[in-house]
C-alpha atoms as a PDB file:
ATOM      1  CA  MET A   1       2.651  -7.682  13.670  1.00  0.00           C
ATOM      2  CA  GLU A   2       3.579  -8.933   9.866  1.00  0.00           C
ATOM      3  CA  GLY A   3       4.677 -12.005   9.136  1.00  0.00           C
ATOM      4  CA  VAL A   4       4.608 -14.188   6.633  1.00  0.00           C
ATOM      5  CA  ASN A   5       1.534 -17.103   5.958  1.00  0.00           C
ATOM      6  CA  ASN A   6       2.261 -20.098   3.718  1.00  0.00           C
ATOM      7  CA  GLY A   7      -1.227 -20.153   1.769  1.00  0.00           C
ATOM      8  CA  LYS A   8      -2.669 -23.460   0.734  1.00  0.00           C
ATOM      9  CA  ASP A   9      -0.555 -23.661  -2.611  1.00  0.00           C
ATOM     10  CA  GLY A  10       2.363 -23.185  -0.733  1.00  0.00           C
ATOM     11  CA  LYS A  11       3.029 -19.934  -2.137  1.00  0.00           C
ATOM     12  CA  SER A  12       4.489 -17.306   0.673  1.00  0.00           C
ATOM     13  CA  GLN A  13       2.212 -14.423   1.201  1.00  0.00           C
ATOM     14  CA  MET A  14       2.431 -11.279   3.056  1.00  0.00           C
ATOM     15  CA  SER A  15      -0.137 -10.855   6.186  1.00  0.00           C
ATOM     16  CA  LEU A  16      -1.644  -7.402   6.506  1.00  0.00           C
ATOM     17  CA  PRO A  17      -0.155  -5.308   9.401  1.00  0.00           C
ATOM     18  CA  TYR A  18      -2.851  -5.616  12.545  1.00  0.00           C
ATOM     19  CA  GLN A  19      -2.773  -5.079  16.487  1.00  0.00           C
ATOM     20  CA  HIS A  20      -3.199  -8.089  18.412  1.00  0.00           C
ATOM     21  CA  LYS A  21      -4.853  -5.810  21.262  1.00  0.00           C
ATOM     22  CA  LEU A  22      -8.029  -5.589  18.601  1.00  0.00           C
ATOM     23  CA  ILE A  23      -9.034  -9.515  18.402  1.00  0.00           C
ATOM     24  CA  PRO A  24     -11.636  -9.568  21.337  1.00  0.00           C
ATOM     25  CA  ARG A  25     -12.975  -6.113  19.766  1.00  0.00           C
ATOM     26  CA  ALA A  26     -13.509  -7.475  16.274  1.00  0.00           C
ATOM     27  CA  ARG A  27     -14.729 -10.481  18.152  1.00  0.00           C
ATOM     28  CA  GLU A  28     -16.897  -8.895  19.906  1.00  0.00           C
ATOM     29  CA  LEU A  29     -18.263  -6.757  17.101  1.00  0.00           C
ATOM     30  CA  ARG A  30     -19.060 -10.186  15.228  1.00  0.00           C
ATOM     31  CA  LYS A  31     -21.176 -11.212  18.036  1.00  0.00           C
ATOM     32  CA  ASN A  32     -22.983  -8.290  18.221  1.00  0.00           C
ATOM     33  CA  ALA A  33     -23.738  -7.403  14.108  1.00  0.00           C
ATOM     34  CA  THR A  34     -26.143  -5.092  12.937  1.00  0.00           C
ATOM     35  CA  ARG A  35     -28.851  -6.897  11.442  1.00  0.00           C
ATOM     36  CA  GLN A  36     -27.658  -5.111   7.998  1.00  0.00           C
ATOM     37  CA  GLU A  37     -24.038  -7.029   8.486  1.00  0.00           C
ATOM     38  CA  ASN A  38     -25.692  -9.501   9.473  1.00  0.00           C
ATOM     39  CA  HIS A  39     -28.087  -9.786   6.586  1.00  0.00           C
ATOM     40  CA  LEU A  40     -24.867  -9.363   4.408  1.00  0.00           C
ATOM     41  CA  TRP A  41     -22.837 -12.561   5.803  1.00  0.00           C
ATOM     42  CA  TYR A  42     -25.470 -14.770   6.276  1.00  0.00           C
ATOM     43  CA  ASP A  43     -27.098 -14.533   3.131  1.00  0.00           C
ATOM     44  CA  PHE A  44     -24.907 -13.623   0.348  1.00  0.00           C
ATOM     45  CA  LEU A  45     -20.943 -13.223   1.671  1.00  0.00           C
ATOM     46  CA  ARG A  46     -20.875 -16.536   4.127  1.00  0.00           C
ATOM     47  CA  SER A  47     -21.629 -18.788   1.190  1.00  0.00           C
ATOM     48  CA  TYR A  48     -20.009 -16.726  -1.370  1.00  0.00           C
ATOM     49  CA  PRO A  49     -17.244 -18.545  -3.555  1.00  0.00           C
ATOM     50  CA  VAL A  50     -14.505 -16.153  -2.406  1.00  0.00           C
ATOM     51  CA  ARG A  51     -14.040 -16.191   0.927  1.00  0.00           C
ATOM     52  CA  PHE A  52     -14.795 -13.201   3.328  1.00  0.00           C
ATOM     53  CA  GLN A  53     -14.235 -12.626   6.704  1.00  0.00           C
ATOM     54  CA  ARG A  54     -16.184 -10.855   9.262  1.00  0.00           C
ATOM     55  CA  GLN A  55     -14.517  -7.755  11.584  1.00  0.00           C
ATOM     56  CA  LYS A  56     -11.414  -7.830  10.100  1.00  0.00           C
ATOM     57  CA  THR A  57      -8.046  -6.572  11.979  1.00  0.00           C
ATOM     58  CA  ILE A  58      -5.871  -4.058   9.330  1.00  0.00           C
ATOM     59  CA  GLY A  59      -3.187  -1.971  10.963  1.00  0.00           C
ATOM     60  CA  CYS A  60      -5.667  -0.058  13.904  1.00  0.00           C
ATOM     61  CA  TYR A  61      -8.702  -0.528  11.903  1.00  0.00           C
ATOM     62  CA  ILE A  62     -11.367  -3.452  12.210  1.00  0.00           C
ATOM     63  CA  THR A  63     -13.517  -4.075   8.800  1.00  0.00           C
ATOM     64  CA  ASP A  64     -16.637  -4.734   8.536  1.00  0.00           C
ATOM     65  CA  PHE A  65     -15.731  -7.324   5.480  1.00  0.00           C
ATOM     66  CA  TYR A  66     -12.383  -8.195   3.825  1.00  0.00           C
ATOM     67  CA  CYS A  67     -11.521 -10.531   0.968  1.00  0.00           C
ATOM     68  CA  HIS A  68      -7.985 -11.392   0.688  1.00  0.00           C
ATOM     69  CA  ALA A  69      -8.087 -12.394  -2.873  1.00  0.00           C
ATOM     70  CA  ALA A  70      -9.362 -10.062  -4.385  1.00  0.00           C
ATOM     71  CA  LYS A  71      -7.872  -7.176  -1.729  1.00  0.00           C
ATOM     72  CA  LEU A  72     -11.462  -5.620  -0.790  1.00  0.00           C
ATOM     73  CA  VAL A  73     -12.685  -4.639   1.545  1.00  0.00           C
ATOM     74  CA  ILE A  74     -16.838  -3.698   2.493  1.00  0.00           C
ATOM     75  CA  GLU A  75     -18.211  -1.301   5.059  1.00  0.00           C
ATOM     76  CA  LEU A  76     -21.477  -0.902   6.283  1.00  0.00           C
ATOM     77  CA  ASP A  77     -22.270   2.748   7.541  1.00  0.00           C
ATOM     78  CA  GLY A  78     -24.633   3.229   9.664  1.00  0.00           C
ATOM     79  CA  SER A  79     -26.187   6.747  11.120  1.00  0.00           C
ATOM     80  CA  GLN A  80     -23.698   7.413  13.743  1.00  0.00           C
ATOM     81  CA  HIS A  81     -21.304   7.210  10.496  1.00  0.00           C
ATOM     82  CA  PHE A  82     -22.228  10.649   9.335  1.00  0.00           C
ATOM     83  CA  THR A  83     -21.417  12.906  12.165  1.00  0.00           C
ATOM     84  CA  LYS A  84     -18.333  15.556  11.191  1.00  0.00           C
ATOM     85  CA  GLU A  85     -15.817  13.601  13.569  1.00  0.00           C
ATOM     86  CA  ALA A  86     -17.170  10.047  12.312  1.00  0.00           C
ATOM     87  CA  ILE A  87     -16.481  11.725   8.583  1.00  0.00           C
ATOM     88  CA  GLU A  88     -13.021  12.580   9.360  1.00  0.00           C
ATOM     89  CA  TYR A  89     -12.389   9.183  10.570  1.00  0.00           C
ATOM     90  CA  ASP A  90     -13.321   7.141   7.864  1.00  0.00           C
ATOM     91  CA  ARG A  91     -11.455   9.310   5.496  1.00  0.00           C
ATOM     92  CA  GLN A  92      -7.930   9.012   7.726  1.00  0.00           C
ATOM     93  CA  ARG A  93      -8.971   4.543   7.832  1.00  0.00           C
ATOM     94  CA  SER A  94      -9.833   4.990   4.005  1.00  0.00           C
ATOM     95  CA  SER A  95      -6.859   6.533   2.960  1.00  0.00           C
ATOM     96  CA  TYR A  96      -4.873   3.777   5.409  1.00  0.00           C
ATOM     97  CA  LEU A  97      -6.786   0.867   4.052  1.00  0.00           C
ATOM     98  CA  GLN A  98      -6.054   2.426   0.258  1.00  0.00           C
ATOM     99  CA  GLY A  99      -2.649   1.983   1.376  1.00  0.00           C
ATOM    100  CA  CYS A 100      -2.319  -1.096   1.658  1.00  0.00           C
ATOM    101  CA  ASP A 101      -3.757  -1.833  -1.481  1.00  0.00           C
ATOM    102  CA  LEU A 102      -7.346  -2.167  -0.674  1.00  0.00           C
ATOM    103  CA  LYS A 103     -10.054  -1.084  -2.263  1.00  0.00           C
ATOM    104  CA  ILE A 104     -13.262  -0.109  -0.220  1.00  0.00           C
ATOM    105  CA  LEU A 105     -16.758  -0.230  -0.732  1.00  0.00           C
ATOM    106  CA  ARG A 106     -19.239   1.684   1.317  1.00  0.00           C
ATOM    107  CA  PHE A 107     -22.865   0.848   1.330  1.00  0.00           C
ATOM    108  CA  THR A 108     -25.305   1.916   3.907  1.00  0.00           C
ATOM    109  CA  ASN A 109     -27.383   0.410   6.028  1.00  0.00           C
ATOM    110  CA  TYR A 110     -30.104   1.858   4.020  1.00  0.00           C
ATOM    111  CA  ASP A 111     -28.468   0.615   0.693  1.00  0.00           C
ATOM    112  CA  ILE A 112     -28.567  -3.215   2.433  1.00  0.00           C
ATOM    113  CA  ASP A 113     -32.546  -3.097   3.525  1.00  0.00           C
ATOM    114  CA  ARG A 114     -33.481  -1.496   0.021  1.00  0.00           C
ATOM    115  CA  CYS A 115     -31.578  -2.258  -2.432  1.00  0.00           C
ATOM    116  CA  PHE A 116     -30.086  -5.828  -1.535  1.00  0.00           C
ATOM    117  CA  PRO A 117     -29.957  -7.850  -4.499  1.00  0.00           C
ATOM    118  CA  ASP A 118     -27.996  -5.000  -6.535  1.00  0.00           C
ATOM    119  CA  ILE A 119     -25.986  -4.570  -3.415  1.00  0.00           C
ATOM    120  CA  CYS A 120     -24.849  -8.190  -4.564  1.00  0.00           C
ATOM    121  CA  GLN A 121     -23.982  -7.858  -6.992  1.00  0.00           C
ATOM    122  CA  LEU A 122     -21.903  -5.065  -7.350  1.00  0.00           C
ATOM    123  CA  ILE A 123     -19.778  -6.769  -5.179  1.00  0.00           C
ATOM    124  CA  HIS A 124     -19.553  -9.887  -7.153  1.00  0.00           C
ATOM    125  CA  GLN A 125     -18.611  -7.713  -9.965  1.00  0.00           C
ATOM    126  CA  GLU A 126     -15.774  -5.842  -7.818  1.00  0.00           C
ATOM    127  CA  VAL A 127     -14.684  -9.004  -6.990  1.00  0.00           C
ATOM    128  CA  GLN A 128     -14.409 -10.889 -10.361  1.00  0.00           C
ATOM    129  CA  GLN A 129     -12.757  -7.345 -11.548  1.00  0.00           C
ATOM    130  CA  ARG A 130     -10.260  -7.588  -8.267  1.00  0.00           C
ATOM    131  CA  LEU A 131      -9.351 -10.628  -9.281  1.00  0.00           C
ATOM    132  CA  SER A 132      -8.648 -10.481 -12.333  1.00  0.00           C
ATOM    133  CA  GLU A 133      -6.475  -7.576 -11.855  1.00  0.00           C
ATOM    134  CA  VAL A 134      -4.683  -9.664  -8.781  1.00  0.00           C
ATOM    135  CA  THR A 135      -3.679 -12.718 -11.425  1.00  0.00           C
ATOM    136  CA  SER A 136      -3.207 -10.262 -14.253  1.00  0.00           C
ATOM    137  CA  TYR A 137      -0.238  -9.198 -12.029  1.00  0.00           C
ATOM    138  CA  ASP A 138       1.014 -12.467 -11.334  1.00  0.00           C
END
């Protein structure tokens, strides 16, 4: 489904395509988030000054975290992402998301466990960079 959303500022914005049937699965994933997803959400993204969403449906995929203002997706990869099949699936998924003009940042669960402050700083820098690029095109 694709639609037009009116933002708080009154400007129309095209929403990203999504499959409505994925919404229950996204809710389930939010309720059963990994320890690392919860850590990133509750200890950084939830209170970040630029809004992020958890388990956002985009096309036929569900992203871990999504920031509309910065056109940024953050993915956390556990061990299940390192099989041959999962690597190919993630490649196709990334290709689709990039085709929606989205930037994808991928981190492993290990990264979150061991380098959390550095990950937060990288996310912040990317958001600021993307926001400056988005506003320079308006």
